[in-house]
Amino acid sequence: MTHLEAVTPAPAPDGSFAALGLPQSVLRTLDRLGVREPFPIQAATLPDALRGRHVLGRGRTGSGKTLAFGLPLLTRTAGRRAEPEQPLALVLVPTRELAQQVTQALEPYAEALRLRMATVVGGLSISRQIAALRQGAEVVVATPGRLHDLVERSACRLGRVRITVLDEADQMCDLGFLPQVSGLLAQVRPDGQRMLFSATLDGDVGQLVRDHLHDPVVHSVDPAGAAVAGMEHHLLVVHGPDRYAVTTEIAARDGRVLLFLETKHAVDRLTRHLRASGVRAGALHSGKSQPQRTKTLAQFKEGGLTVLVATDVAARGLHVDDLDLVVNVDPPADARDYVHRAGRTARAGASGRVVTLVASGG
């Protein structure tokens, strides 16, 4: 089989990935990984994305957006070879964790299409990332800050990027990345394809759409703020001094638990308390080094830790199978933060519960 033959679409019955026009090598990989039927956001966006249309996708976190943009991006890049330091496709995401998760999710399909991927994020060796770009990578998954640094160092040039994806665009704007994102988009090919995915499409996200997407086709799977089937929400009124005791009792249950607090100091303090109480807990926040964060996440996913105590750095981009309980030990600052924290559970059709602790007046 030649390289170009690998991207020939295969005929297939309706309701399947193959019916959407994906290459046979990608279909074989989907089948091998047990991915049988497209999620609604994938079925909706894949045909337009594969045709090269600008796509504006709104779907709650956990709705399958990564393959919705990733499979068309890889398919349309296949058969091309990147020059050193000149990627052909770019995925921008707000956090290191999401960048690594997107890379891991897409790597099997990239390998099937013989495409090279590089992940460019802060907190890890910039020299290794420069070396990866120098060796040549068709697809780069990046956080805006680190990619901006590499562009400034002339270690990465974006003039040949034909396909650009902005994932979790609303959080990138919330984190203050809008100027960097706009600056990076100004450097990619003006005639290239752009895809933007976000849970919400207001404010600065709307500005990005107006400035950088041309005649986009809009796919909205789940209305903004829609309730998620299979997700239960509970308020637990707790007397202030009892908060640690109640949290510890919840954390000691069978199964994985994700606890959210507002500050790094509070996360570290509660984690120490839980460990002293015999609970296998780990802390995740921006004060930890990237290797520490990666190790803690891996331990949580593999079961070495049963409780993850985190700030909102984990509210997006974190996917853990069979996570059925999220606890807001500190209530979130606003409704959008609640939605994204809650979105760590009840993913991909599973069920889950969200408990928010509220201090009593007494």
Protein backbone atom coordinates (compact mmCIF):
# COMPACT_ATOMS: atom_id res chain seq x y z
CA MET A 1 0.00 0.00 0.00
CA THR A 2 1.36 3.41 -0.91
CA HIS A 3 1.13 6.39 1.39
CA LEU A 4 -1.55 8.05 -0.72
CA GLU A 5 -3.60 4.86 -0.91
CA ALA A 6 -3.75 4.93 2.87
CA VAL A 7 -6.01 7.98 2.76
CA THR A 8 -8.59 6.59 0.34
CA PRO A 9 -12.07 6.66 1.93
CA ALA A 10 -13.79 3.30 2.31
CA PRO A 11 -17.47 2.62 1.62
CA ALA A 12 -19.53 1.67 4.65
CA PRO A 13 -23.03 1.54 6.08
CA ASP A 14 -24.69 4.70 7.37
CA GLY A 15 -24.22 5.65 11.00
CA SER A 16 -20.57 4.61 11.02
CA PHE A 17 -17.28 6.46 10.84
CA ALA A 18 -16.62 5.02 7.40
CA ALA A 19 -19.84 6.55 6.05
CA LEU A 20 -18.35 9.93 6.99
CA GLY A 21 -15.50 9.47 4.51
CA LEU A 22 -12.56 8.54 6.70
CA PRO A 23 -9.51 6.65 5.37
CA GLN A 24 -9.29 2.90 5.73
CA SER A 25 -6.17 3.07 7.90
CA VAL A 26 -8.04 5.37 10.31
CA LEU A 27 -11.09 3.07 10.25
CA ARG A 28 -8.91 0.08 11.14
CA THR A 29 -7.42 2.03 14.04
CA LEU A 30 -10.86 3.09 15.30
CA ASP A 31 -11.98 -0.54 15.17
CA ARG A 32 -8.85 -1.76 16.95
CA LEU A 33 -9.42 0.79 19.74
CA GLY A 34 -13.07 -0.21 20.07
CA VAL A 35 -14.46 3.12 18.82
CA ARG A 36 -17.57 1.90 17.00
CA GLU A 37 -19.98 4.76 16.39
CA PRO A 38 -19.43 8.52 16.13
CA PHE A 39 -20.69 10.76 18.91
CA PRO A 40 -23.17 13.46 17.80
CA ILE A 41 -20.53 16.22 17.59
CA GLN A 42 -18.36 13.92 15.44
CA ALA A 43 -21.16 12.90 13.11
CA ALA A 44 -22.17 16.54 12.75
CA THR A 45 -18.78 18.10 12.08
CA LEU A 46 -16.71 15.44 10.30
CA PRO A 47 -18.21 15.82 6.79
CA ASP A 48 -17.75 19.62 6.75
CA ALA A 49 -14.30 19.41 8.35
CA LEU A 50 -13.14 16.80 5.84
CA ARG A 51 -14.26 19.12 3.02
CA GLY A 52 -12.04 21.88 4.39
CA ARG A 53 -14.82 24.12 5.69
CA HIS A 54 -14.26 26.45 8.61
CA VAL A 55 -16.06 24.81 11.53
CA LEU A 56 -17.47 26.37 14.66
CA GLY A 57 -18.39 23.62 17.10
CA ARG A 58 -20.13 24.00 20.42
CA GLY A 59 -20.36 20.97 22.63
CA ARG A 60 -19.95 20.38 26.33
CA THR A 61 -16.69 18.96 27.56
CA GLY A 62 -16.64 15.18 27.23
CA SER A 63 -18.76 15.23 24.07
CA GLY A 64 -16.04 13.82 21.80
CA LYS A 65 -14.57 16.99 20.34
CA THR A 66 -11.01 15.68 20.10
CA LEU A 67 -11.80 13.15 17.37
CA ALA A 68 -14.28 15.59 15.80
CA PHE A 69 -11.43 17.92 14.88
CA GLY A 70 -8.51 15.49 15.09
CA LEU A 71 -9.58 12.93 12.52
CA PRO A 72 -10.24 15.52 9.76
CA LEU A 73 -7.03 17.38 10.60
CA LEU A 74 -4.96 14.22 10.33
CA THR A 75 -6.78 12.95 7.24
CA ARG A 76 -6.34 16.23 5.37
CA THR A 77 -2.66 16.45 6.36
CA ALA A 78 -1.80 12.86 5.40
CA GLY A 79 0.49 12.45 2.40
CA ARG A 80 2.38 15.67 3.11
CA ARG A 81 5.78 16.01 4.77
CA ALA A 82 6.78 18.90 6.99
CA GLU A 83 10.06 20.73 6.64
CA PRO A 84 12.10 21.19 9.83
CA GLU A 85 10.49 23.76 12.17
CA GLN A 86 7.55 24.23 9.77
CA PRO A 87 4.47 22.26 10.88
CA LEU A 88 1.49 21.78 8.58
CA ALA A 89 -1.28 21.57 11.19
CA LEU A 90 -1.72 23.17 14.60
CA VAL A 91 -3.94 22.47 17.61
CA LEU A 92 -4.01 25.18 20.28
CA VAL A 93 -5.28 24.25 23.76
CA PRO A 94 -5.36 26.15 27.07
CA THR A 95 -3.56 23.74 29.43
CA ARG A 96 -0.63 21.33 29.48
CA GLU A 97 -2.85 18.48 30.59
CA LEU A 98 -5.22 18.98 27.68
CA ALA A 99 -2.31 19.20 25.24
CA GLN A 100 -0.96 15.88 26.43
CA GLN A 101 -4.41 14.31 26.40
CA VAL A 102 -5.11 15.49 22.82
CA THR A 103 -1.73 14.17 21.69
CA GLN A 104 -2.33 10.78 23.32
CA ALA A 105 -5.82 10.55 21.81
CA LEU A 106 -4.64 11.35 18.27
CA GLU A 107 -1.27 9.55 18.19
CA PRO A 108 -2.66 6.12 17.10
CA TYR A 109 -4.38 7.73 14.10
CA ALA A 110 -1.35 9.86 13.28
CA GLU A 111 0.82 6.74 13.27
CA ALA A 112 -1.67 4.99 10.99
CA LEU A 113 -1.34 7.90 8.54
CA ARG A 114 2.45 8.15 9.04
CA LEU A 115 2.28 11.62 10.49
CA ARG A 116 4.65 12.96 13.12
CA MET A 117 3.28 14.84 16.14
CA ALA A 118 5.00 17.19 18.58
CA THR A 119 3.64 18.54 21.86
CA VAL A 120 4.73 22.05 22.81
CA VAL A 121 3.84 23.12 26.37
CA GLY A 122 5.32 25.05 29.24
CA GLY A 123 6.82 23.30 32.23
CA LEU A 124 8.80 20.79 30.14
CA SER A 125 12.19 21.01 28.45
CA ILE A 126 12.08 23.65 25.74
CA SER A 127 15.27 22.24 24.19
CA ARG A 128 13.59 18.87 23.63
CA GLN A 129 10.63 20.60 22.01
CA ILE A 130 12.97 22.61 19.77
CA ALA A 131 14.68 19.34 18.78
CA ALA A 132 11.34 17.69 17.96
CA LEU A 133 10.37 20.61 15.75
CA ARG A 134 13.76 20.59 14.08
CA GLN A 135 13.34 16.91 13.21
CA GLY A 136 10.06 17.77 11.53
CA ALA A 137 6.51 17.37 12.78
CA GLU A 138 3.45 17.60 10.58
CA VAL A 139 1.13 18.23 13.54
CA VAL A 140 1.88 20.38 16.59
CA VAL A 141 -0.32 20.42 19.70
CA ALA A 142 0.55 23.46 21.78
CA THR A 143 -0.35 25.86 24.54
CA PRO A 144 -0.23 29.46 23.28
CA GLY A 145 2.45 30.70 25.68
CA ARG A 146 5.09 28.11 24.86
CA LEU A 147 4.37 28.22 21.11
CA HIS A 148 4.69 32.00 21.20
CA ASP A 149 8.10 31.61 22.89
CA LEU A 150 9.28 29.15 20.22
CA VAL A 151 8.09 31.41 17.41
CA GLU A 152 9.94 34.32 19.02
CA ARG A 153 13.10 32.19 19.11
CA SER A 154 12.63 31.33 15.40
CA ALA A 155 12.40 27.65 16.42
CA CYS A 156 8.97 27.31 14.85
CA ARG A 157 7.51 28.99 11.77
CA LEU A 158 3.80 28.87 11.13
CA GLY A 159 3.64 30.05 7.53
CA ARG A 160 2.92 26.56 6.19
CA VAL A 161 0.17 25.66 8.68
CA ARG A 162 -2.86 24.77 6.55
CA ILE A 163 -5.20 23.61 9.33
CA THR A 164 -5.57 25.30 12.72
CA VAL A 165 -7.78 24.15 15.60
CA LEU A 166 -8.64 26.11 18.71
CA ASP A 167 -9.87 23.69 21.37
CA GLU A 168 -11.58 24.94 24.56
CA ALA A 169 -11.38 28.44 23.08
CA ASP A 170 -13.40 29.95 25.92
CA GLN A 171 -10.86 28.87 28.52
CA MET A 172 -7.98 30.17 26.42
CA CYS A 173 -9.69 33.55 26.49
CA ASP A 174 -10.47 33.25 30.22
CA LEU A 175 -6.79 32.60 30.93
CA GLY A 176 -5.71 35.74 29.06
CA PHE A 177 -4.37 34.01 25.96
CA LEU A 178 -6.48 36.01 23.48
CA PRO A 179 -3.64 38.33 22.32
CA GLN A 180 -1.22 35.41 21.85
CA VAL A 181 -3.82 33.29 20.07
CA SER A 182 -4.66 36.15 17.72
CA GLY A 183 -0.97 36.76 17.08
CA LEU A 184 -0.37 33.09 16.25
CA LEU A 185 -3.43 32.90 13.97
CA ALA A 186 -2.13 35.91 12.07
CA GLN A 187 0.95 33.85 11.10
CA VAL A 188 -0.71 30.72 9.70
CA ARG A 189 -1.69 30.48 6.05
CA PRO A 190 -4.52 32.95 5.42
CA ASP A 191 -6.18 30.54 2.99
CA GLY A 192 -6.03 27.64 5.45
CA GLN A 193 -8.79 25.87 7.35
CA ARG A 194 -9.77 26.97 10.85
CA MET A 195 -11.82 25.02 13.38
CA LEU A 196 -12.87 26.40 16.75
CA PHE A 197 -14.44 24.29 19.48
CA SER A 198 -15.81 25.71 22.69
CA ALA A 199 -18.45 25.06 25.32
CA THR A 200 -19.56 28.70 25.03
CA LEU A 201 -19.37 31.11 22.11
CA ASP A 202 -19.75 34.50 23.76
CA GLY A 203 -17.42 37.39 24.64
CA ASP A 204 -13.84 37.08 23.43
CA VAL A 205 -14.61 33.78 21.71
CA GLY A 206 -17.06 35.65 19.50
CA GLN A 207 -14.28 38.09 18.64
CA LEU A 208 -11.97 35.25 17.64
CA VAL A 209 -14.68 33.82 15.41
CA ARG A 210 -15.32 37.16 13.72
CA ASP A 211 -11.62 37.84 13.18
CA HIS A 212 -10.35 34.44 12.08
CA LEU A 213 -13.15 32.19 10.78
CA HIS A 214 -14.57 32.76 7.33
CA ASP A 215 -18.17 31.70 6.65
CA PRO A 216 -17.99 28.95 9.29
CA VAL A 217 -20.50 26.14 9.43
CA VAL A 218 -21.88 26.01 12.97
CA HIS A 219 -22.59 22.76 14.79
CA SER A 220 -24.04 22.99 18.27
CA VAL A 221 -24.55 19.65 19.97
CA ASP A 222 -25.99 20.34 23.45
CA PRO A 223 -27.43 23.82 23.91
CA ALA A 224 -25.31 26.11 26.05
CA GLY A 225 -25.91 25.23 29.68
CA ALA A 226 -27.90 22.13 28.82
CA ALA A 227 -28.26 19.53 31.53
CA VAL A 228 -26.24 16.38 31.01
CA ALA A 229 -28.23 13.17 31.04
CA GLY A 230 -26.95 10.86 33.74
CA MET A 231 -25.47 13.63 35.91
CA GLU A 232 -26.93 14.25 39.37
CA HIS A 233 -26.31 17.47 41.28
CA HIS A 234 -26.39 17.75 45.07
CA LEU A 235 -25.90 20.52 47.61
CA LEU A 236 -24.59 19.45 51.00
CA VAL A 237 -25.00 22.02 53.77
CA VAL A 238 -22.12 21.62 56.22
CA HIS A 239 -21.31 23.33 59.51
CA GLY A 240 -18.01 25.12 58.89
CA PRO A 241 -15.84 23.26 61.43
CA ASP A 242 -17.13 19.93 60.10
CA ARG A 243 -16.02 20.54 56.52
CA TYR A 244 -12.78 18.53 56.72
CA ALA A 245 -14.49 15.62 58.47
CA VAL A 246 -17.27 15.49 55.86
CA THR A 247 -14.80 15.79 52.99
CA THR A 248 -12.66 13.00 54.44
CA GLU A 249 -15.67 10.73 54.80
CA ILE A 250 -16.63 11.34 51.17
CA ALA A 251 -13.04 10.84 49.99
CA ALA A 252 -12.76 7.49 51.77
CA ARG A 253 -15.56 5.93 49.66
CA ASP A 254 -14.91 3.20 47.12
CA GLY A 255 -14.04 4.50 43.66
CA ARG A 256 -12.32 7.61 42.39
CA VAL A 257 -13.16 11.07 43.69
CA LEU A 258 -12.13 14.47 42.31
CA LEU A 259 -12.14 17.29 44.88
CA PHE A 260 -12.00 20.93 43.79
CA LEU A 261 -10.71 23.82 45.90
CA GLU A 262 -9.99 27.44 45.03
CA THR A 263 -6.31 27.86 45.97
CA LYS A 264 -3.07 25.89 45.72
CA HIS A 265 -2.48 26.31 49.47
CA ALA A 266 -5.92 24.86 50.27
CA VAL A 267 -5.27 21.92 47.92
CA ASP A 268 -1.96 21.08 49.58
CA ARG A 269 -3.40 21.42 53.08
CA LEU A 270 -6.39 19.15 52.39
CA THR A 271 -4.18 16.59 50.61
CA ARG A 272 -1.92 16.36 53.67
CA HIS A 273 -4.98 15.92 55.91
CA LEU A 274 -6.42 13.17 53.72
CA ARG A 275 -3.13 11.28 53.58
CA ALA A 276 -2.81 11.51 57.36
CA SER A 277 -6.30 10.00 57.54
CA GLY A 278 -5.25 7.04 55.40
CA VAL A 279 -6.75 8.22 52.10
CA ARG A 280 -4.58 7.79 48.99
CA ALA A 281 -4.78 11.38 47.76
CA GLY A 282 -2.70 13.43 45.36
CA ALA A 283 -2.56 17.18 44.68
CA LEU A 284 -2.81 18.84 41.28
CA HIS A 285 -2.31 22.56 40.73
CA SER A 286 -0.18 25.01 38.77
CA GLY A 287 2.45 25.17 41.52
CA LYS A 288 3.50 21.59 40.75
CA SER A 289 6.10 20.88 38.09
CA GLN A 290 4.84 19.33 34.88
CA PRO A 291 6.50 15.95 35.61
CA GLN A 292 4.82 15.97 39.05
CA ARG A 293 1.44 16.79 37.51
CA THR A 294 1.82 14.09 34.87
CA LYS A 295 2.81 11.47 37.46
CA THR A 296 -0.06 12.38 39.79
CA LEU A 297 -2.60 12.18 36.96
CA ALA A 298 -1.22 8.83 35.85
CA GLN A 299 -1.48 7.45 39.39
CA PHE A 300 -5.07 8.67 39.65
CA LYS A 301 -6.05 7.15 36.32
CA GLU A 302 -4.35 3.84 37.11
CA GLY A 303 -5.80 3.55 40.62
CA GLY A 304 -2.66 4.19 42.68
CA LEU A 305 -4.45 7.27 43.99
CA THR A 306 -8.18 7.16 44.70
CA VAL A 307 -8.59 10.89 45.32
CA LEU A 308 -7.35 13.84 43.27
CA VAL A 309 -7.42 17.23 45.02
CA ALA A 310 -7.20 20.03 42.48
CA THR A 311 -7.66 23.66 41.60
CA ASP A 312 -9.46 24.64 38.41
CA VAL A 313 -6.32 23.76 36.44
CA ALA A 314 -7.93 20.30 36.28
CA ALA A 315 -11.40 21.53 35.41
CA ARG A 316 -10.75 21.19 31.70
CA GLY A 317 -8.97 18.64 29.63
CA LEU A 318 -8.93 15.96 32.33
CA HIS A 319 -10.51 12.68 31.29
CA VAL A 320 -10.54 9.75 33.69
CA ASP A 321 -12.55 6.62 32.95
CA ASP A 322 -15.12 5.66 35.59
CA LEU A 323 -14.90 8.94 37.49
CA ASP A 324 -18.40 9.12 38.94
CA LEU A 325 -18.03 11.72 41.71
CA VAL A 326 -16.86 15.34 41.65
CA VAL A 327 -16.96 17.35 44.89
CA ASN A 328 -16.77 21.13 45.05
CA VAL A 329 -15.22 21.50 48.49
CA ASP A 330 -14.99 25.20 47.65
CA PRO A 331 -17.92 26.31 45.46
CA PRO A 332 -16.77 27.55 42.05
CA ALA A 333 -16.51 31.26 41.32
CA ASP A 334 -19.11 31.28 38.55
CA ALA A 335 -21.50 29.11 36.58
CA ARG A 336 -19.05 28.35 33.79
CA ASP A 337 -16.48 27.05 36.28
CA TYR A 338 -19.19 24.81 37.72
CA VAL A 339 -20.03 23.44 34.29
CA HIS A 340 -16.41 22.59 33.53
CA ARG A 341 -15.72 21.05 36.94
CA ALA A 342 -18.88 18.98 36.64
CA GLY A 343 -17.83 17.95 33.13
CA ARG A 344 -15.10 15.72 34.57
CA THR A 345 -17.82 13.16 35.31
CA ALA A 346 -20.72 11.75 33.27
CA ARG A 347 -18.50 11.76 30.19
CA ALA A 348 -19.21 9.93 26.96
CA GLY A 349 -22.64 8.78 28.08
CA ALA A 350 -21.62 7.55 31.53
CA SER A 351 -23.36 8.65 34.72
CA GLY A 352 -21.95 10.71 37.55
CA ARG A 353 -22.66 12.90 40.55
CA VAL A 354 -21.55 16.40 41.50
CA VAL A 355 -21.67 17.44 45.16
CA THR A 356 -21.13 21.02 46.28
CA LEU A 357 -20.42 21.76 49.94
CA VAL A 358 -22.13 24.89 51.24
CA ALA A 359 -21.39 26.38 54.68
CA SER A 360 -24.38 26.64 56.98
CA GLY A 361 -25.26 29.95 58.55
CA GLY A 362 -24.83 28.59 62.08
